[in-house]
C-alpha atoms as a PDB file:
ATOM      1  CA  MET A   1      73.310  83.555 -13.841  1.00  0.00           C
ATOM      2  CA  ALA A   2      71.494  86.644 -15.049  1.00  0.00           C
ATOM      3  CA  GLU A   3      67.697  85.992 -15.888  1.00  0.00           C
ATOM      4  CA  ILE A   4      66.119  87.191 -19.245  1.00  0.00           C
ATOM      5  CA  ILE A   5      62.682  85.791 -18.386  1.00  0.00           C
ATOM      6  CA  THR A   6      61.053  85.112 -15.107  1.00  0.00           C
ATOM      7  CA  THR A   7      58.120  83.100 -14.138  1.00  0.00           C
ATOM      8  CA  ASP A   8      56.058  86.466 -14.124  1.00  0.00           C
ATOM      9  CA  ASP A   9      56.894  86.939 -17.609  1.00  0.00           C
ATOM     10  CA  LEU A  10      54.884  83.659 -18.414  1.00  0.00           C
ATOM     11  CA  PRO A  11      51.011  83.678 -18.957  1.00  0.00           C
ATOM     12  CA  ALA A  12      49.073  82.754 -15.917  1.00  0.00           C
ATOM     13  CA  SER A  13      48.197  79.403 -17.285  1.00  0.00           C
ATOM     14  CA  LEU A  14      51.798  78.331 -17.554  1.00  0.00           C
ATOM     15  CA  GLN A  15      52.853  79.646 -14.166  1.00  0.00           C
ATOM     16  CA  THR A  16      51.053  76.769 -12.358  1.00  0.00           C
ATOM     17  CA  ASN A  17      53.013  74.248 -14.618  1.00  0.00           C
ATOM     18  CA  GLU A  18      54.934  72.159 -11.934  1.00  0.00           C
ATOM     19  CA  LEU A  19      58.293  72.421 -13.928  1.00  0.00           C
ATOM     20  CA  VAL A  20      57.925  76.258 -14.625  1.00  0.00           C
ATOM     21  CA  ASP A  21      61.004  77.007 -12.606  1.00  0.00           C
ATOM     22  CA  VAL A  22      62.836  74.386 -14.134  1.00  0.00           C
ATOM     23  CA  LEU A  23      61.920  75.438 -17.649  1.00  0.00           C
ATOM     24  CA  VAL A  24      62.484  79.158 -17.044  1.00  0.00           C
ATOM     25  CA  ALA A  25      65.990  78.372 -15.619  1.00  0.00           C
ATOM     26  CA  GLY A  26      66.967  76.168 -18.398  1.00  0.00           C
ATOM     27  CA  ALA A  27      65.903  78.635 -20.974  1.00  0.00           C
ATOM     28  CA  ASN A  28      67.871  81.330 -19.189  1.00  0.00           C
ATOM     29  CA  ALA A  29      70.904  79.264 -19.185  1.00  0.00           C
ATOM     30  CA  ARG A  30      70.705  77.878 -22.762  1.00  0.00           C
ATOM     31  CA  ALA A  31      69.943  81.670 -23.919  1.00  0.00           C
ATOM     32  CA  SER A  32      73.062  82.917 -22.148  1.00  0.00           C
ATOM     33  CA  ARG A  33      75.196  80.078 -23.576  1.00  0.00           C
ATOM     34  CA  VAL A  34      74.093  80.615 -27.247  1.00  0.00           C
ATOM     35  CA  ALA A  35      73.802  84.282 -26.996  1.00  0.00           C
ATOM     36  CA  PRO A  36      76.131  85.646 -24.575  1.00  0.00           C
ATOM     37  CA  CYS A  37      75.420  89.347 -25.159  1.00  0.00           C
ATOM     38  CA  LEU A  38      72.137  89.072 -23.659  1.00  0.00           C
ATOM     39  CA  VAL A  39      73.863  88.574 -20.017  1.00  0.00           C
ATOM     40  CA  SER A  40      76.870  90.671 -20.484  1.00  0.00           C
ATOM     41  CA  GLU A  41      77.614  93.471 -18.248  1.00  0.00           C
ATOM     42  CA  ASP A  42      79.846  95.412 -20.668  1.00  0.00           C
ATOM     43  CA  PRO A  43      77.925  96.344 -22.461  1.00  0.00           C
ATOM     44  CA  ALA A  44      74.637  95.552 -21.157  1.00  0.00           C
ATOM     45  CA  PRO A  45      72.176  94.488 -23.329  1.00  0.00           C
ATOM     46  CA  THR A  46      69.231  97.086 -24.061  1.00  0.00           C
ATOM     47  CA  ASP A  47      65.872  97.001 -23.025  1.00  0.00           C
ATOM     48  CA  ASP A  48      64.750  96.348 -26.809  1.00  0.00           C
ATOM     49  CA  GLN A  49      67.094  93.461 -27.078  1.00  0.00           C
ATOM     50  CA  LEU A  50      66.096  91.842 -23.857  1.00  0.00           C
ATOM     51  CA  ALA A  51      62.376  92.300 -25.007  1.00  0.00           C
ATOM     52  CA  GLU A  52      62.982  90.714 -28.050  1.00  0.00           C
ATOM     53  CA  ALA A  53      65.190  87.637 -26.213  1.00  0.00           C
ATOM     54  CA  ARG A  54      61.962  87.314 -23.897  1.00  0.00           C
ATOM     55  CA  LEU A  55      59.604  86.917 -26.705  1.00  0.00           C
ATOM     56  CA  VAL A  56      61.642  84.050 -27.897  1.00  0.00           C
ATOM     57  CA  LEU A  57      62.251  82.332 -24.543  1.00  0.00           C
ATOM     58  CA  ILE A  58      58.605  82.645 -23.394  1.00  0.00           C
ATOM     59  CA  GLY A  59      57.549  80.933 -26.787  1.00  0.00           C
ATOM     60  CA  ALA A  60      60.088  77.997 -26.193  1.00  0.00           C
ATOM     61  CA  VAL A  61      59.027  77.639 -22.547  1.00  0.00           C
ATOM     62  CA  LYS A  62      55.275  77.757 -23.766  1.00  0.00           C
ATOM     63  CA  ARG A  63      55.957  75.179 -26.357  1.00  0.00           C
ATOM     64  CA  TRP A  64      58.079  72.941 -23.719  1.00  0.00           C
ATOM     65  CA  ALA A  65      55.128  73.140 -21.184  1.00  0.00           C
ATOM     66  CA  ASP A  66      52.309  72.351 -23.665  1.00  0.00           C
ATOM     67  CA  ALA A  67      54.428  69.170 -25.072  1.00  0.00           C
ATOM     68  CA  GLY A  68      53.882  67.424 -21.975  1.00  0.00           C
ATOM     69  CA  PRO A  69      54.845  63.626 -21.948  1.00  0.00           C
ATOM     70  CA  GLY A  70      53.242  63.105 -25.491  1.00  0.00           C
ATOM     71  CA  ALA A  71      51.474  60.196 -26.967  1.00  0.00           C
ATOM     72  CA  LEU A  72      51.741  57.772 -29.890  1.00  0.00           C
ATOM     73  CA  SER A  73      48.272  56.927 -31.323  1.00  0.00           C
ATOM     74  CA  ALA A  74      47.549  55.037 -34.721  1.00  0.00           C
ATOM     75  CA  GLN A  75      44.531  54.759 -36.561  1.00  0.00           C
ATOM     76  CA  THR A  76      43.574  52.414 -39.040  1.00  0.00           C
ATOM     77  CA  ALA A  77      40.595  52.265 -41.889  1.00  0.00           C
ATOM     78  CA  GLY A  78      40.930  49.790 -44.442  1.00  0.00           C
ATOM     79  CA  PRO A  79      44.210  49.593 -46.283  1.00  0.00           C
ATOM     80  CA  PHE A  80      45.086  53.181 -44.832  1.00  0.00           C
ATOM     81  CA  SER A  81      46.739  53.921 -41.559  1.00  0.00           C
ATOM     82  CA  GLN A  82      47.852  57.251 -40.001  1.00  0.00           C
ATOM     83  CA  ALA A  83      50.174  57.338 -36.986  1.00  0.00           C
ATOM     84  CA  LEU A  84      50.354  60.565 -34.505  1.00  0.00           C
ATOM     85  CA  ASP A  85      53.537  60.734 -32.399  1.00  0.00           C
ATOM     86  CA  THR A  86      53.662  63.793 -30.210  1.00  0.00           C
ATOM     87  CA  ARG A  87      56.278  62.310 -27.698  1.00  0.00           C
ATOM     88  CA  GLN A  88      59.103  64.457 -26.552  1.00  0.00           C
ATOM     89  CA  ARG A  89      62.099  62.702 -27.821  1.00  0.00           C
ATOM     90  CA  THR A  90      64.964  65.586 -28.036  1.00  0.00           C
ATOM     91  CA  GLY A  91      64.348  66.860 -24.584  1.00  0.00           C
ATOM     92  CA  PHE A  92      63.597  70.605 -23.873  1.00  0.00           C
ATOM     93  CA  ASN A  93      66.027  72.285 -26.427  1.00  0.00           C
ATOM     94  CA  LEU A  94      65.843  75.662 -28.276  1.00  0.00           C
ATOM     95  CA  TRP A  95      65.013  75.002 -31.917  1.00  0.00           C
ATOM     96  CA  PRO A  96      67.579  76.201 -34.377  1.00  0.00           C
ATOM     97  CA  SER A  97      65.510  79.052 -35.390  1.00  0.00           C
ATOM     98  CA  GLU A  98      65.230  80.250 -31.920  1.00  0.00           C
ATOM     99  CA  ILE A  99      68.766  80.102 -31.535  1.00  0.00           C
ATOM    100  CA  GLU A 100      69.267  81.853 -34.692  1.00  0.00           C
ATOM    101  CA  GLY A 101      66.893  84.396 -33.592  1.00  0.00           C
ATOM    102  CA  LEU A 102      68.810  85.092 -30.079  1.00  0.00           C
ATOM    103  CA  GLN A 103      72.323  85.279 -31.860  1.00  0.00           C
ATOM    104  CA  ASP A 104      70.849  87.693 -34.492  1.00  0.00           C
ATOM    105  CA  ILE A 105      69.977  89.937 -31.374  1.00  0.00           C
ATOM    106  CA  CYS A 106      73.379  89.880 -30.451  1.00  0.00           C
ATOM    107  CA  ARG A 107      74.840  90.613 -34.016  1.00  0.00           C
ATOM    108  CA  SER A 108      72.329  93.670 -34.126  1.00  0.00           C
ATOM    109  CA  ALA A 109      73.939  95.028 -31.222  1.00  0.00           C
ATOM    110  CA  GLY A 110      77.194  95.463 -33.177  1.00  0.00           C
ATOM    111  CA  ASP A 111      79.018  92.472 -31.247  1.00  0.00           C
ATOM    112  CA  ALA A 112      82.160  92.738 -33.427  1.00  0.00           C
ATOM    113  CA  GLY A 113      83.555  89.224 -32.398  1.00  0.00           C
ATOM    114  CA  THR A 114      80.683  87.040 -33.963  1.00  0.00           C
ATOM    115  CA  GLY A 115      79.173  86.484 -37.512  1.00  0.00           C
ATOM    116  CA  ARG A 116      81.931  87.872 -39.535  1.00  0.00           C
ATOM    117  CA  ALA A 117      83.710  86.337 -42.153  1.00  0.00           C
ATOM    118  CA  PHE A 118      87.142  84.902 -41.283  1.00  0.00           C
ATOM    119  CA  GLU A 119      89.973  82.613 -42.625  1.00  0.00           C
ATOM    120  CA  ILE A 120      91.926  79.695 -41.257  1.00  0.00           C
ATOM    121  CA  ASP A 121      95.305  78.779 -42.782  1.00  0.00           C
ATOM    122  CA  THR A 122      95.451  75.148 -42.800  1.00  0.00           C
ATOM    123  CA  MET A 123      98.807  74.860 -44.681  1.00  0.00           C
ATOM    124  CA  PRO A 124     101.968  74.018 -42.750  1.00  0.00           C
ATOM    125  CA  THR A 125     104.427  76.849 -42.433  1.00  0.00           C
ATOM    126  CA  ASP A 126     107.111  74.639 -44.424  1.00  0.00           C
ATOM    127  CA  ALA A 127     104.896  74.127 -47.427  1.00  0.00           C
ATOM    128  CA  GLY A 128     106.204  77.037 -49.322  1.00  0.00           C
ATOM    129  CA  VAL A 129     103.340  79.174 -49.567  1.00  0.00           C
ATOM    130  CA  TYR A 130     104.863  82.651 -49.386  1.00  0.00           C
ATOM    131  CA  GLY A 131     102.629  84.278 -51.940  1.00  0.00           C
ATOM    132  CA  VAL A 132     100.546  83.786 -55.035  1.00  0.00           C
ATOM    133  CA  ASP A 133     103.654  83.147 -57.370  1.00  0.00           C
ATOM    134  CA  TYR A 134     105.221  80.520 -55.129  1.00  0.00           C
ATOM    135  CA  TRP A 135     102.315  78.072 -53.977  1.00  0.00           C
ATOM    136  CA  TRP A 136     103.780  75.189 -55.838  1.00  0.00           C
ATOM    137  CA  SER A 137     107.035  75.406 -54.355  1.00  0.00           C
ATOM    138  CA  SER A 138     108.835  74.522 -51.168  1.00  0.00           C
ATOM    139  CA  PRO A 139     111.001  76.676 -49.025  1.00  0.00           C
ATOM    140  CA  THR A 140     113.912  74.271 -49.849  1.00  0.00           C
ATOM    141  CA  ASP A 141     113.318  73.945 -53.613  1.00  0.00           C
ATOM    142  CA  ARG A 142     112.517  77.162 -55.127  1.00  0.00           C
ATOM    143  CA  ALA A 143     112.121  77.492 -59.018  1.00  0.00           C
ATOM    144  CA  THR A 144     113.647  80.932 -60.102  1.00  0.00           C
ATOM    145  CA  PHE A 145     111.756  82.590 -62.655  1.00  0.00           C
END
């Protein structure tokens, strides 16, 4: 697996986290899955693309490391109450905005295979869809005009 970020890319305060190696490996693996151009060899990503991807992944790893186990705390004052829940329920996932950012880096590289409009024909071949004029007919029962 190609490395987009390494432990050395992280701030010194994060490098001492006990899970830092696992977090970095997970971030690299997820990024390579959602934005394959970042680990491609043909064409290889540019230095600018890797720098931008590093920024996204460092932010995600920092968020994961800072989240810790979290806690649930509640306060009550008279008829009012407040609950603060910082527990990590969804695991260590990239946010949708981070995924979009990584995929946008690939789109900006001119990756012709992604992010383009496309069409899927869901009509069976025997439905008689042979042109705009014949959409209502079947191949066995053609109306003549």
